[in-house]
Amino acid sequence: MTRTAPPPAQKPPAVRARKSGDVPAERSTRTVISPLALAGRRGKAAYWSVFALVVLLFAFAFLFPVYWMVTGAMKPPEEVVRTPPTLFPEQWRTSGYTDAWDLMRLPTHLWNTVVQATGAWILQIVFCTAAAYALSKLRPAFGNIILGGILATLMVPVQALVVPKYLTIADMPLIHVNLLNDPLAIWLPAVANAFNLYLLKRFFDQIPRDVLEAAEIDGAGRLRTLWSIVLPLSRPVLGVVSIFALVAVWQDFLWPLMVFSDTDKQPISVALVQLSQNVPLTVLIGAMVIASIPMVLMFLVFQRHIIAGISAGSTKG
């Protein structure tokens, strides 16, 4: 009977890797601090110390200007311009905010801004959503050419469009109506937002076709599918588009300055500049703090929707 030779002994994976010149998977990633050292007591203490320091530095860099603006309105006018400046007000007073509310007529201008921003937001949501849905799911003739022309407007500087827009608003084509000093002068140009339209279109492209076909089998028409299927699935991106639309109108200065010559109809961004000539510096700072509160509150309330909308189109599943 012949004896068969025993199979050669298998070498450990680490030995085979060293012999073949390959680097083991656990050694392929190198860091400044090894995982073993980081798992120790000193490593954890050093990690959390550096982490806390970085967080504090970033928090200080972002929050200190806000603190400086809020406390600046609580100082006397002579203390605001003092050199070197004081970190804390020597005399805490709220007259800067109350005088700003009354002298600069902030309720009127805030209401004007709310009306202009709300109208621009509603029209932009309606028309941009309809256009994006048509370009994404209805596939009209020459749809790619139309989309390319819309995206081409993003390459044109905003300043180059100011004069054509003003001439159009001052004398509307065909109907020959003057829309100056009218909220429509803000609403109509805001509808033509190529960036938000493209953002909605890209999100609609990722909605599975099977979902829309199932709605068609159930007898849903195009509008019914848009209202009952597409819009509920698009809440994250609609939230982001809404925030972009509101912030764009709220912080715009040049266009409202051109179309609103009537002081009583100007938004808060224009009124702060127009009425800041004859008021103390503390009153102006207080007015700026009050004007920024609505946008800060909106971001704090809808921050989850912002994050969800930004990451909505990053993955499929």
C-alpha atoms as a PDB file:
ATOM      1  CA  MET A   1       0.000   0.000   0.000  1.00  0.00           C
ATOM      2  CA  THR A   2       1.412   3.339  -1.034  1.00  0.00           C
ATOM      3  CA  ARG A   3       1.491   6.172   1.387  1.00  0.00           C
ATOM      4  CA  THR A   4       0.232   9.509   0.286  1.00  0.00           C
ATOM      5  CA  ALA A   5       2.235  12.501   1.360  1.00  0.00           C
ATOM      6  CA  PRO A   6       0.437  14.708   3.885  1.00  0.00           C
ATOM      7  CA  PRO A   7      -0.722  18.036   2.502  1.00  0.00           C
ATOM      8  CA  PRO A   8       1.644  20.873   3.173  1.00  0.00           C
ATOM      9  CA  ALA A   9       0.924  22.779   6.312  1.00  0.00           C
ATOM     10  CA  GLN A  10      -1.057  25.956   5.715  1.00  0.00           C
ATOM     11  CA  LYS A  11       0.802  29.010   6.799  1.00  0.00           C
ATOM     12  CA  PRO A  12      -0.990  31.617   8.858  1.00  0.00           C
ATOM     13  CA  PRO A  13      -2.533  34.468   6.823  1.00  0.00           C
ATOM     14  CA  ALA A  14      -0.152  36.976   8.328  1.00  0.00           C
ATOM     15  CA  VAL A  15       2.861  34.898   7.215  1.00  0.00           C
ATOM     16  CA  ARG A  16       1.478  34.517   3.687  1.00  0.00           C
ATOM     17  CA  ALA A  17       0.805  38.209   3.514  1.00  0.00           C
ATOM     18  CA  ARG A  18       4.342  39.096   4.603  1.00  0.00           C
ATOM     19  CA  LYS A  19       5.822  36.639   2.131  1.00  0.00           C
ATOM     20  CA  SER A  20       3.802  37.878  -0.809  1.00  0.00           C
ATOM     21  CA  GLY A  21       4.426  41.497   0.002  1.00  0.00           C
ATOM     22  CA  ASP A  22       0.751  42.313   0.693  1.00  0.00           C
ATOM     23  CA  VAL A  23      -0.250  44.502   3.599  1.00  0.00           C
ATOM     24  CA  PRO A  24      -2.813  43.028   6.009  1.00  0.00           C
ATOM     25  CA  ALA A  25      -6.194  44.768   6.073  1.00  0.00           C
ATOM     26  CA  GLU A  26      -5.779  45.832   9.688  1.00  0.00           C
ATOM     27  CA  ARG A  27      -2.487  47.562   8.857  1.00  0.00           C
ATOM     28  CA  SER A  28      -3.585  49.200   5.587  1.00  0.00           C
ATOM     29  CA  THR A  29      -5.025  52.267   7.370  1.00  0.00           C
ATOM     30  CA  ARG A  30      -2.595  54.435   9.292  1.00  0.00           C
ATOM     31  CA  THR A  31      -3.600  57.213  11.665  1.00  0.00           C
ATOM     32  CA  VAL A  32      -1.740  59.737  13.784  1.00  0.00           C
ATOM     33  CA  ILE A  33      -2.746  57.871  16.937  1.00  0.00           C
ATOM     34  CA  SER A  34      -3.063  54.111  16.865  1.00  0.00           C
ATOM     35  CA  PRO A  35      -6.424  52.572  17.856  1.00  0.00           C
ATOM     36  CA  LEU A  36      -4.700  50.781  20.742  1.00  0.00           C
ATOM     37  CA  ALA A  37      -3.378  54.044  22.181  1.00  0.00           C
ATOM     38  CA  LEU A  38      -6.724  55.764  21.606  1.00  0.00           C
ATOM     39  CA  ALA A  39      -8.559  53.026  23.506  1.00  0.00           C
ATOM     40  CA  GLY A  40      -6.534  53.686  26.628  1.00  0.00           C
ATOM     41  CA  ARG A  41      -7.418  56.111  29.396  1.00  0.00           C
ATOM     42  CA  ARG A  42      -4.904  58.731  28.292  1.00  0.00           C
ATOM     43  CA  GLY A  43      -5.941  58.359  24.663  1.00  0.00           C
ATOM     44  CA  LYS A  44      -9.599  58.904  25.460  1.00  0.00           C
ATOM     45  CA  ALA A  45      -8.797  61.906  27.642  1.00  0.00           C
ATOM     46  CA  ALA A  46      -6.659  63.460  24.907  1.00  0.00           C
ATOM     47  CA  TYR A  47      -9.302  62.756  22.236  1.00  0.00           C
ATOM     48  CA  TRP A  48     -12.180  64.326  24.169  1.00  0.00           C
ATOM     49  CA  SER A  49     -10.026  67.278  25.207  1.00  0.00           C
ATOM     50  CA  VAL A  50      -9.143  68.086  21.597  1.00  0.00           C
ATOM     51  CA  PHE A  51     -12.727  67.489  20.500  1.00  0.00           C
ATOM     52  CA  ALA A  52     -14.115  69.832  23.175  1.00  0.00           C
ATOM     53  CA  LEU A  53     -11.537  72.502  22.324  1.00  0.00           C
ATOM     54  CA  VAL A  54     -12.421  72.435  18.638  1.00  0.00           C
ATOM     55  CA  VAL A  55     -16.149  72.618  19.380  1.00  0.00           C
ATOM     56  CA  LEU A  56     -15.633  75.559  21.731  1.00  0.00           C
ATOM     57  CA  LEU A  57     -13.527  77.407  19.169  1.00  0.00           C
ATOM     58  CA  PHE A  58     -16.127  76.962  16.441  1.00  0.00           C
ATOM     59  CA  ALA A  59     -18.934  77.941  18.816  1.00  0.00           C
ATOM     60  CA  PHE A  60     -17.039  81.057  19.840  1.00  0.00           C
ATOM     61  CA  ALA A  61     -16.320  82.022  16.231  1.00  0.00           C
ATOM     62  CA  PHE A  62     -19.999  81.735  15.257  1.00  0.00           C
ATOM     63  CA  LEU A  63     -21.736  82.956  18.416  1.00  0.00           C
ATOM     64  CA  PHE A  64     -19.510  85.844  19.489  1.00  0.00           C
ATOM     65  CA  PRO A  65     -20.596  88.149  16.610  1.00  0.00           C
ATOM     66  CA  VAL A  66     -24.218  87.445  17.562  1.00  0.00           C
ATOM     67  CA  TYR A  67     -23.479  88.263  21.195  1.00  0.00           C
ATOM     68  CA  TRP A  68     -21.643  91.430  20.176  1.00  0.00           C
ATOM     69  CA  MET A  69     -24.598  92.612  18.091  1.00  0.00           C
ATOM     70  CA  VAL A  70     -27.217  91.791  20.739  1.00  0.00           C
ATOM     71  CA  THR A  71     -25.306  93.505  23.554  1.00  0.00           C
ATOM     72  CA  GLY A  72     -24.346  96.432  21.316  1.00  0.00           C
ATOM     73  CA  ALA A  73     -27.956  97.592  21.233  1.00  0.00           C
ATOM     74  CA  MET A  74     -28.019  97.548  25.051  1.00  0.00           C
ATOM     75  CA  LYS A  75     -25.125  99.996  25.438  1.00  0.00           C
ATOM     76  CA  PRO A  76     -25.279 103.798  25.455  1.00  0.00           C
ATOM     77  CA  PRO A  77     -24.279 105.376  22.105  1.00  0.00           C
ATOM     78  CA  GLU A  78     -20.995 106.706  23.508  1.00  0.00           C
ATOM     79  CA  GLU A  79     -20.045 103.270  24.850  1.00  0.00           C
ATOM     80  CA  VAL A  80     -20.582 101.567  21.481  1.00  0.00           C
ATOM     81  CA  VAL A  81     -17.912 103.714  19.777  1.00  0.00           C
ATOM     82  CA  ARG A  82     -15.487 103.640  22.698  1.00  0.00           C
ATOM     83  CA  THR A  83     -11.916 102.445  22.076  1.00  0.00           C
ATOM     84  CA  PRO A  84     -11.050  99.898  23.363  1.00  0.00           C
ATOM     85  CA  PRO A  85     -14.560  98.420  23.335  1.00  0.00           C
ATOM     86  CA  THR A  86     -16.208  96.997  26.427  1.00  0.00           C
ATOM     87  CA  LEU A  87     -17.033  93.308  26.485  1.00  0.00           C
ATOM     88  CA  PHE A  88     -20.083  93.778  28.730  1.00  0.00           C
ATOM     89  CA  PRO A  89     -22.341  96.839  28.782  1.00  0.00           C
ATOM     90  CA  GLU A  90     -21.664  99.101  31.742  1.00  0.00           C
ATOM     91  CA  GLN A  91     -25.345 100.045  31.806  1.00  0.00           C
ATOM     92  CA  TRP A  92     -27.837  97.482  30.521  1.00  0.00           C
ATOM     93  CA  ARG A  93     -30.719  99.167  28.744  1.00  0.00           C
ATOM     94  CA  THR A  94     -33.378  98.036  26.274  1.00  0.00           C
ATOM     95  CA  SER A  95     -34.102 101.469  24.803  1.00  0.00           C
ATOM     96  CA  GLY A  96     -32.171 100.537  21.664  1.00  0.00           C
ATOM     97  CA  TYR A  97     -34.768  97.886  20.791  1.00  0.00           C
ATOM     98  CA  THR A  98     -37.826  99.879  21.793  1.00  0.00           C
ATOM     99  CA  ASP A  99     -36.642 102.983  19.916  1.00  0.00           C
ATOM    100  CA  ALA A 100     -35.863 100.873  16.850  1.00  0.00           C
ATOM    101  CA  TRP A 101     -39.356  99.364  16.952  1.00  0.00           C
ATOM    102  CA  ASP A 102     -40.975 102.810  17.052  1.00  0.00           C
ATOM    103  CA  LEU A 103     -38.628 105.196  15.219  1.00  0.00           C
ATOM    104  CA  MET A 104     -37.862 102.930  12.266  1.00  0.00           C
ATOM    105  CA  ARG A 105     -41.442 101.621  11.960  1.00  0.00           C
ATOM    106  CA  LEU A 106     -40.323  98.026  12.062  1.00  0.00           C
ATOM    107  CA  PRO A 107     -43.851  96.502  12.244  1.00  0.00           C
ATOM    108  CA  THR A 108     -44.775  98.071   8.874  1.00  0.00           C
ATOM    109  CA  HIS A 109     -41.586  97.025   7.114  1.00  0.00           C
ATOM    110  CA  LEU A 110     -41.575  93.544   8.632  1.00  0.00           C
ATOM    111  CA  TRP A 111     -45.140  93.022   7.440  1.00  0.00           C
ATOM    112  CA  ASN A 112     -44.147  94.218   3.939  1.00  0.00           C
ATOM    113  CA  THR A 113     -41.317  91.683   3.935  1.00  0.00           C
ATOM    114  CA  VAL A 114     -43.604  88.880   5.107  1.00  0.00           C
ATOM    115  CA  VAL A 115     -46.119  89.642   2.336  1.00  0.00           C
ATOM    116  CA  GLN A 116     -43.444  89.778  -0.351  1.00  0.00           C
ATOM    117  CA  ALA A 117     -41.641  86.632   0.842  1.00  0.00           C
ATOM    118  CA  THR A 118     -44.849  84.621   1.282  1.00  0.00           C
ATOM    119  CA  GLY A 119     -46.181  85.489  -2.180  1.00  0.00           C
ATOM    120  CA  ALA A 120     -42.853  84.709  -3.840  1.00  0.00           C
ATOM    121  CA  TRP A 121     -42.657  81.397  -1.965  1.00  0.00           C
ATOM    122  CA  ILE A 122     -46.168  80.264  -2.925  1.00  0.00           C
ATOM    123  CA  LEU A 123     -45.804  81.145  -6.605  1.00  0.00           C
ATOM    124  CA  GLN A 124     -42.347  79.600  -6.773  1.00  0.00           C
ATOM    125  CA  ILE A 125     -43.501  76.344  -5.186  1.00  0.00           C
ATOM    126  CA  VAL A 126     -46.478  76.096  -7.554  1.00  0.00           C
ATOM    127  CA  PHE A 127     -44.792  76.948 -10.840  1.00  0.00           C
ATOM    128  CA  CYS A 128     -41.334  75.449 -10.198  1.00  0.00           C
ATOM    129  CA  THR A 129     -42.893  72.197  -9.004  1.00  0.00           C
ATOM    130  CA  ALA A 130     -45.179  72.000 -12.039  1.00  0.00           C
ATOM    131  CA  ALA A 131     -42.332  72.763 -14.450  1.00  0.00           C
ATOM    132  CA  ALA A 132     -39.963  70.291 -12.784  1.00  0.00           C
ATOM    133  CA  TYR A 133     -42.635  67.562 -12.811  1.00  0.00           C
ATOM    134  CA  ALA A 134     -43.334  68.162 -16.493  1.00  0.00           C
ATOM    135  CA  LEU A 135     -39.649  68.068 -17.456  1.00  0.00           C
ATOM    136  CA  SER A 136     -38.946  64.998 -15.312  1.00  0.00           C
ATOM    137  CA  LYS A 137     -41.980  62.723 -15.750  1.00  0.00           C
ATOM    138  CA  LEU A 138     -44.083  64.006 -18.652  1.00  0.00           C
ATOM    139  CA  ARG A 139     -41.076  64.298 -21.006  1.00  0.00           C
ATOM    140  CA  PRO A 140     -42.374  67.042 -23.340  1.00  0.00           C
ATOM    141  CA  ALA A 141     -40.986  67.646 -26.816  1.00  0.00           C
ATOM    142  CA  PHE A 142     -37.664  69.525 -26.748  1.00  0.00           C
ATOM    143  CA  GLY A 143     -37.601  69.086 -22.964  1.00  0.00           C
ATOM    144  CA  ASN A 144     -33.820  68.810 -22.803  1.00  0.00           C
ATOM    145  CA  ILE A 145     -33.412  71.952 -24.889  1.00  0.00           C
ATOM    146  CA  ILE A 146     -35.804  73.836 -22.636  1.00  0.00           C
ATOM    147  CA  LEU A 147     -33.981  72.605 -19.539  1.00  0.00           C
ATOM    148  CA  GLY A 148     -30.641  73.611 -21.039  1.00  0.00           C
ATOM    149  CA  GLY A 149     -31.955  77.099 -21.762  1.00  0.00           C
ATOM    150  CA  ILE A 150     -33.223  77.415 -18.188  1.00  0.00           C
ATOM    151  CA  LEU A 151     -29.895  76.288 -16.751  1.00  0.00           C
ATOM    152  CA  ALA A 152     -28.053  78.685 -19.059  1.00  0.00           C
ATOM    153  CA  THR A 153     -29.602  81.582 -17.154  1.00  0.00           C
ATOM    154  CA  LEU A 154     -27.537  80.526 -14.128  1.00  0.00           C
ATOM    155  CA  MET A 155     -24.426  81.563 -16.055  1.00  0.00           C
ATOM    156  CA  VAL A 156     -25.685  85.147 -16.492  1.00  0.00           C
ATOM    157  CA  PRO A 157     -24.638  87.553 -13.709  1.00  0.00           C
ATOM    158  CA  VAL A 158     -27.521  88.825 -11.615  1.00  0.00           C
ATOM    159  CA  GLN A 159     -26.465  92.432 -12.200  1.00  0.00           C
ATOM    160  CA  ALA A 160     -26.841  91.992 -15.944  1.00  0.00           C
ATOM    161  CA  LEU A 161     -30.526  91.087 -15.525  1.00  0.00           C
ATOM    162  CA  VAL A 162     -31.474  94.053 -13.342  1.00  0.00           C
ATOM    163  CA  VAL A 163     -32.134  96.536 -16.147  1.00  0.00           C
ATOM    164  CA  PRO A 164     -34.195  94.136 -18.341  1.00  0.00           C
ATOM    165  CA  LYS A 165     -36.235  93.099 -15.321  1.00  0.00           C
ATOM    166  CA  TYR A 166     -36.862  96.710 -14.335  1.00  0.00           C
ATOM    167  CA  LEU A 167     -38.001  97.677 -17.830  1.00  0.00           C
ATOM    168  CA  THR A 168     -40.305  94.655 -17.897  1.00  0.00           C
ATOM    169  CA  ILE A 169     -41.844  95.499 -14.518  1.00  0.00           C
ATOM    170  CA  ALA A 170     -42.217  99.182 -15.367  1.00  0.00           C
ATOM    171  CA  ASP A 171     -44.152  98.347 -18.544  1.00  0.00           C
ATOM    172  CA  MET A 172     -45.434  94.795 -18.711  1.00  0.00           C
ATOM    173  CA  PRO A 173     -45.438  93.447 -22.286  1.00  0.00           C
ATOM    174  CA  LEU A 174     -48.827  93.082 -24.008  1.00  0.00           C
ATOM    175  CA  ILE A 175     -50.873  94.370 -21.063  1.00  0.00           C
ATOM    176  CA  HIS A 176     -48.768  97.559 -20.478  1.00  0.00           C
ATOM    177  CA  VAL A 177     -49.216  97.671 -16.700  1.00  0.00           C
ATOM    178  CA  ASN A 178     -46.797  99.364 -14.309  1.00  0.00           C
ATOM    179  CA  LEU A 179     -45.980  97.069 -11.365  1.00  0.00           C
ATOM    180  CA  LEU A 180     -43.617  99.398  -9.511  1.00  0.00           C
ATOM    181  CA  ASN A 181     -44.426  99.752  -5.800  1.00  0.00           C
ATOM    182  CA  ASP A 182     -46.454  96.560  -6.058  1.00  0.00           C
ATOM    183  CA  PRO A 183     -45.669  93.165  -4.444  1.00  0.00           C
ATOM    184  CA  LEU A 184     -46.032  91.559  -7.883  1.00  0.00           C
ATOM    185  CA  ALA A 185     -42.720  93.222  -8.757  1.00  0.00           C
ATOM    186  CA  ILE A 186     -41.124  90.850  -6.239  1.00  0.00           C
ATOM    187  CA  TRP A 187     -43.326  87.816  -6.838  1.00  0.00           C
ATOM    188  CA  LEU A 188     -43.091  87.469 -10.618  1.00  0.00           C
ATOM    189  CA  PRO A 189     -39.266  87.631 -10.994  1.00  0.00           C
ATOM    190  CA  ALA A 190     -38.882  85.239  -8.053  1.00  0.00           C
ATOM    191  CA  VAL A 191     -40.891  82.559  -9.898  1.00  0.00           C
ATOM    192  CA  ALA A 192     -38.195  82.206 -12.556  1.00  0.00           C
ATOM    193  CA  ASN A 193     -35.667  80.472 -10.289  1.00  0.00           C
ATOM    194  CA  ALA A 194     -33.610  78.071 -12.375  1.00  0.00           C
ATOM    195  CA  PHE A 195     -31.685  76.611  -9.428  1.00  0.00           C
ATOM    196  CA  ASN A 196     -34.767  75.561  -7.459  1.00  0.00           C
ATOM    197  CA  LEU A 197     -36.394  74.183 -10.601  1.00  0.00           C
ATOM    198  CA  TYR A 198     -33.339  72.054 -11.343  1.00  0.00           C
ATOM    199  CA  LEU A 199     -33.187  70.905  -7.718  1.00  0.00           C
ATOM    200  CA  LEU A 200     -36.802  69.733  -7.875  1.00  0.00           C
ATOM    201  CA  LYS A 201     -36.295  68.111 -11.269  1.00  0.00           C
ATOM    202  CA  ARG A 202     -33.320  66.080 -10.082  1.00  0.00           C
ATOM    203  CA  PHE A 203     -35.310  64.860  -7.082  1.00  0.00           C
ATOM    204  CA  PHE A 204     -38.289  63.897  -9.252  1.00  0.00           C
ATOM    205  CA  ASP A 205     -35.946  61.912 -11.507  1.00  0.00           C
ATOM    206  CA  GLN A 206     -35.140  59.585  -8.593  1.00  0.00           C
ATOM    207  CA  ILE A 207     -38.771  58.698  -7.889  1.00  0.00           C
ATOM    208  CA  PRO A 208     -39.259  55.137  -9.235  1.00  0.00           C
ATOM    209  CA  ARG A 209     -41.296  54.861 -12.384  1.00  0.00           C
ATOM    210  CA  ASP A 210     -43.100  51.831 -10.951  1.00  0.00           C
ATOM    211  CA  VAL A 211     -44.778  54.011  -8.328  1.00  0.00           C
ATOM    212  CA  LEU A 212     -46.217  56.317 -10.973  1.00  0.00           C
ATOM    213  CA  GLU A 213     -47.308  53.415 -13.156  1.00  0.00           C
ATOM    214  CA  ALA A 214     -49.125  51.863 -10.195  1.00  0.00           C
ATOM    215  CA  ALA A 215     -50.994  55.142  -9.718  1.00  0.00           C
ATOM    216  CA  GLU A 216     -51.924  55.157 -13.406  1.00  0.00           C
ATOM    217  CA  ILE A 217     -53.267  51.617 -13.138  1.00  0.00           C
ATOM    218  CA  ASP A 218     -55.448  52.736 -10.231  1.00  0.00           C
ATOM    219  CA  GLY A 219     -56.911  55.432 -12.483  1.00  0.00           C
ATOM    220  CA  ALA A 220     -54.995  58.476 -11.231  1.00  0.00           C
ATOM    221  CA  GLY A 221     -54.381  61.217 -13.767  1.00  0.00           C
ATOM    222  CA  ARG A 222     -51.321  63.394 -14.108  1.00  0.00           C
ATOM    223  CA  LEU A 223     -52.446  66.013 -11.593  1.00  0.00           C
ATOM    224  CA  ARG A 224     -53.715  63.386  -9.170  1.00  0.00           C
ATOM    225  CA  THR A 225     -50.383  61.575  -9.336  1.00  0.00           C
ATOM    226  CA  LEU A 226     -48.529  64.822  -8.701  1.00  0.00           C
ATOM    227  CA  TRP A 227     -50.712  65.766  -5.746  1.00  0.00           C
ATOM    228  CA  SER A 228     -51.083  62.356  -4.078  1.00  0.00           C
ATOM    229  CA  ILE A 229     -47.819  60.584  -4.948  1.00  0.00           C
ATOM    230  CA  VAL A 230     -45.045  62.948  -5.990  1.00  0.00           C
ATOM    231  CA  LEU A 231     -45.571  65.829  -3.552  1.00  0.00           C
ATOM    232  CA  PRO A 232     -45.781  63.657  -0.387  1.00  0.00           C
ATOM    233  CA  LEU A 233     -42.538  61.939  -1.410  1.00  0.00           C
ATOM    234  CA  SER A 234     -40.904  65.316  -2.067  1.00  0.00           C
ATOM    235  CA  ARG A 235     -41.409  66.927   1.322  1.00  0.00           C
ATOM    236  CA  PRO A 236     -37.654  67.132   2.130  1.00  0.00           C
ATOM    237  CA  VAL A 237     -36.698  68.877  -1.099  1.00  0.00           C
ATOM    238  CA  LEU A 238     -39.795  71.087  -0.943  1.00  0.00           C
ATOM    239  CA  GLY A 239     -38.667  72.198   2.511  1.00  0.00           C
ATOM    240  CA  VAL A 240     -35.232  73.140   1.192  1.00  0.00           C
ATOM    241  CA  VAL A 241     -36.695  74.986  -1.794  1.00  0.00           C
ATOM    242  CA  SER A 242     -39.073  76.850   0.513  1.00  0.00           C
ATOM    243  CA  ILE A 243     -36.218  77.996   2.734  1.00  0.00           C
ATOM    244  CA  PHE A 244     -34.170  79.104  -0.271  1.00  0.00           C
ATOM    245  CA  ALA A 245     -37.136  81.061  -1.629  1.00  0.00           C
ATOM    246  CA  LEU A 246     -37.903  82.804   1.660  1.00  0.00           C
ATOM    247  CA  VAL A 247     -34.300  83.679   2.469  1.00  0.00           C
ATOM    248  CA  ALA A 248     -33.662  85.014  -1.046  1.00  0.00           C
ATOM    249  CA  VAL A 249     -36.526  87.511  -0.764  1.00  0.00           C
ATOM    250  CA  TRP A 250     -35.840  88.365   2.876  1.00  0.00           C
ATOM    251  CA  GLN A 251     -32.210  89.327   2.316  1.00  0.00           C
ATOM    252  CA  ASP A 252     -32.520  90.883  -1.139  1.00  0.00           C
ATOM    253  CA  PHE A 253     -31.625  94.575  -1.252  1.00  0.00           C
ATOM    254  CA  LEU A 254     -30.873  95.847  -4.750  1.00  0.00           C
ATOM    255  CA  TRP A 255     -34.080  94.766  -6.496  1.00  0.00           C
ATOM    256  CA  PRO A 256     -36.518  96.014  -3.783  1.00  0.00           C
ATOM    257  CA  LEU A 257     -34.593  99.288  -3.662  1.00  0.00           C
ATOM    258  CA  MET A 258     -35.242  99.801  -7.376  1.00  0.00           C
ATOM    259  CA  VAL A 259     -38.908  98.843  -7.520  1.00  0.00           C
ATOM    260  CA  PHE A 260     -40.134 100.375  -4.226  1.00  0.00           C
ATOM    261  CA  SER A 261     -39.792 104.143  -4.174  1.00  0.00           C
ATOM    262  CA  ASP A 262     -42.644 104.417  -1.665  1.00  0.00           C
ATOM    263  CA  THR A 263     -41.114 104.216   1.812  1.00  0.00           C
ATOM    264  CA  ASP A 264     -44.251 102.723   3.350  1.00  0.00           C
ATOM    265  CA  LYS A 265     -44.022  99.697   1.019  1.00  0.00           C
ATOM    266  CA  GLN A 266     -40.320  98.952   1.362  1.00  0.00           C
ATOM    267  CA  PRO A 267     -39.143  95.687   2.971  1.00  0.00           C
ATOM    268  CA  ILE A 268     -36.985  95.582   6.049  1.00  0.00           C
ATOM    269  CA  SER A 269     -33.707  95.197   4.115  1.00  0.00           C
ATOM    270  CA  VAL A 270     -34.232  98.499   2.302  1.00  0.00           C
ATOM    271  CA  ALA A 271     -35.795 100.332   5.234  1.00  0.00           C
ATOM    272  CA  LEU A 272     -32.791  99.675   7.477  1.00  0.00           C
ATOM    273  CA  VAL A 273     -30.574 101.547   5.030  1.00  0.00           C
ATOM    274  CA  GLN A 274     -33.016 104.296   4.128  1.00  0.00           C
ATOM    275  CA  LEU A 275     -33.910 105.154   7.725  1.00  0.00           C
ATOM    276  CA  SER A 276     -30.464 104.707   9.301  1.00  0.00           C
ATOM    277  CA  GLN A 277     -29.229 108.221   8.528  1.00  0.00           C
ATOM    278  CA  ASN A 278     -30.852 110.073  11.423  1.00  0.00           C
ATOM    279  CA  VAL A 279     -30.944 107.434  14.178  1.00  0.00           C
ATOM    280  CA  PRO A 280     -28.337 106.566  16.830  1.00  0.00           C
ATOM    281  CA  LEU A 281     -26.057 103.619  16.242  1.00  0.00           C
ATOM    282  CA  THR A 282     -27.606 101.606  19.067  1.00  0.00           C
ATOM    283  CA  VAL A 283     -31.057 101.994  17.505  1.00  0.00           C
ATOM    284  CA  LEU A 284     -29.735 100.766  14.148  1.00  0.00           C
ATOM    285  CA  ILE A 285     -28.082  97.753  15.795  1.00  0.00           C
ATOM    286  CA  GLY A 286     -31.303  96.942  17.621  1.00  0.00           C
ATOM    287  CA  ALA A 287     -33.249  97.137  14.359  1.00  0.00           C
ATOM    288  CA  MET A 288     -30.816  94.723  12.715  1.00  0.00           C
ATOM    289  CA  VAL A 289     -31.187  92.277  15.603  1.00  0.00           C
ATOM    290  CA  ILE A 290     -34.982  92.382  15.350  1.00  0.00           C
ATOM    291  CA  ALA A 291     -34.846  91.972  11.563  1.00  0.00           C
ATOM    292  CA  SER A 292     -32.683  88.851  11.862  1.00  0.00           C
ATOM    293  CA  ILE A 293     -34.885  87.083  14.436  1.00  0.00           C
ATOM    294  CA  PRO A 294     -37.436  85.615  11.930  1.00  0.00           C
ATOM    295  CA  MET A 295     -34.744  83.983   9.800  1.00  0.00           C
ATOM    296  CA  VAL A 296     -32.924  82.601  12.836  1.00  0.00           C
ATOM    297  CA  LEU A 297     -36.146  81.118  14.196  1.00  0.00           C
ATOM    298  CA  MET A 298     -36.970  79.590  10.819  1.00  0.00           C
ATOM    299  CA  PHE A 299     -33.609  77.833  10.649  1.00  0.00           C
ATOM    300  CA  LEU A 300     -33.915  76.582  14.223  1.00  0.00           C
ATOM    301  CA  VAL A 301     -37.411  75.207  13.621  1.00  0.00           C
ATOM    302  CA  PHE A 302     -36.783  73.678  10.197  1.00  0.00           C
ATOM    303  CA  GLN A 303     -33.166  72.558  10.556  1.00  0.00           C
ATOM    304  CA  ARG A 304     -34.187  68.871  10.406  1.00  0.00           C
ATOM    305  CA  HIS A 305     -35.969  69.491   7.108  1.00  0.00           C
ATOM    306  CA  ILE A 306     -32.903  71.303   5.756  1.00  0.00           C
ATOM    307  CA  ILE A 307     -30.599  68.384   6.559  1.00  0.00           C
ATOM    308  CA  ALA A 308     -33.118  65.860   5.221  1.00  0.00           C
ATOM    309  CA  GLY A 309     -33.547  67.798   1.990  1.00  0.00           C
ATOM    310  CA  ILE A 310     -29.820  68.190   1.413  1.00  0.00           C
ATOM    311  CA  SER A 311     -29.218  64.454   1.866  1.00  0.00           C
ATOM    312  CA  ALA A 312     -32.417  63.373   0.118  1.00  0.00           C
ATOM    313  CA  GLY A 313     -30.847  62.850  -3.279  1.00  0.00           C
ATOM    314  CA  SER A 314     -27.497  61.519  -2.104  1.00  0.00           C
ATOM    315  CA  THR A 315     -28.515  57.864  -1.867  1.00  0.00           C
ATOM    316  CA  LYS A 316     -30.987  55.563  -3.481  1.00  0.00           C
ATOM    317  CA  GLY A 317     -33.006  52.975  -1.697  1.00  0.00           C
END
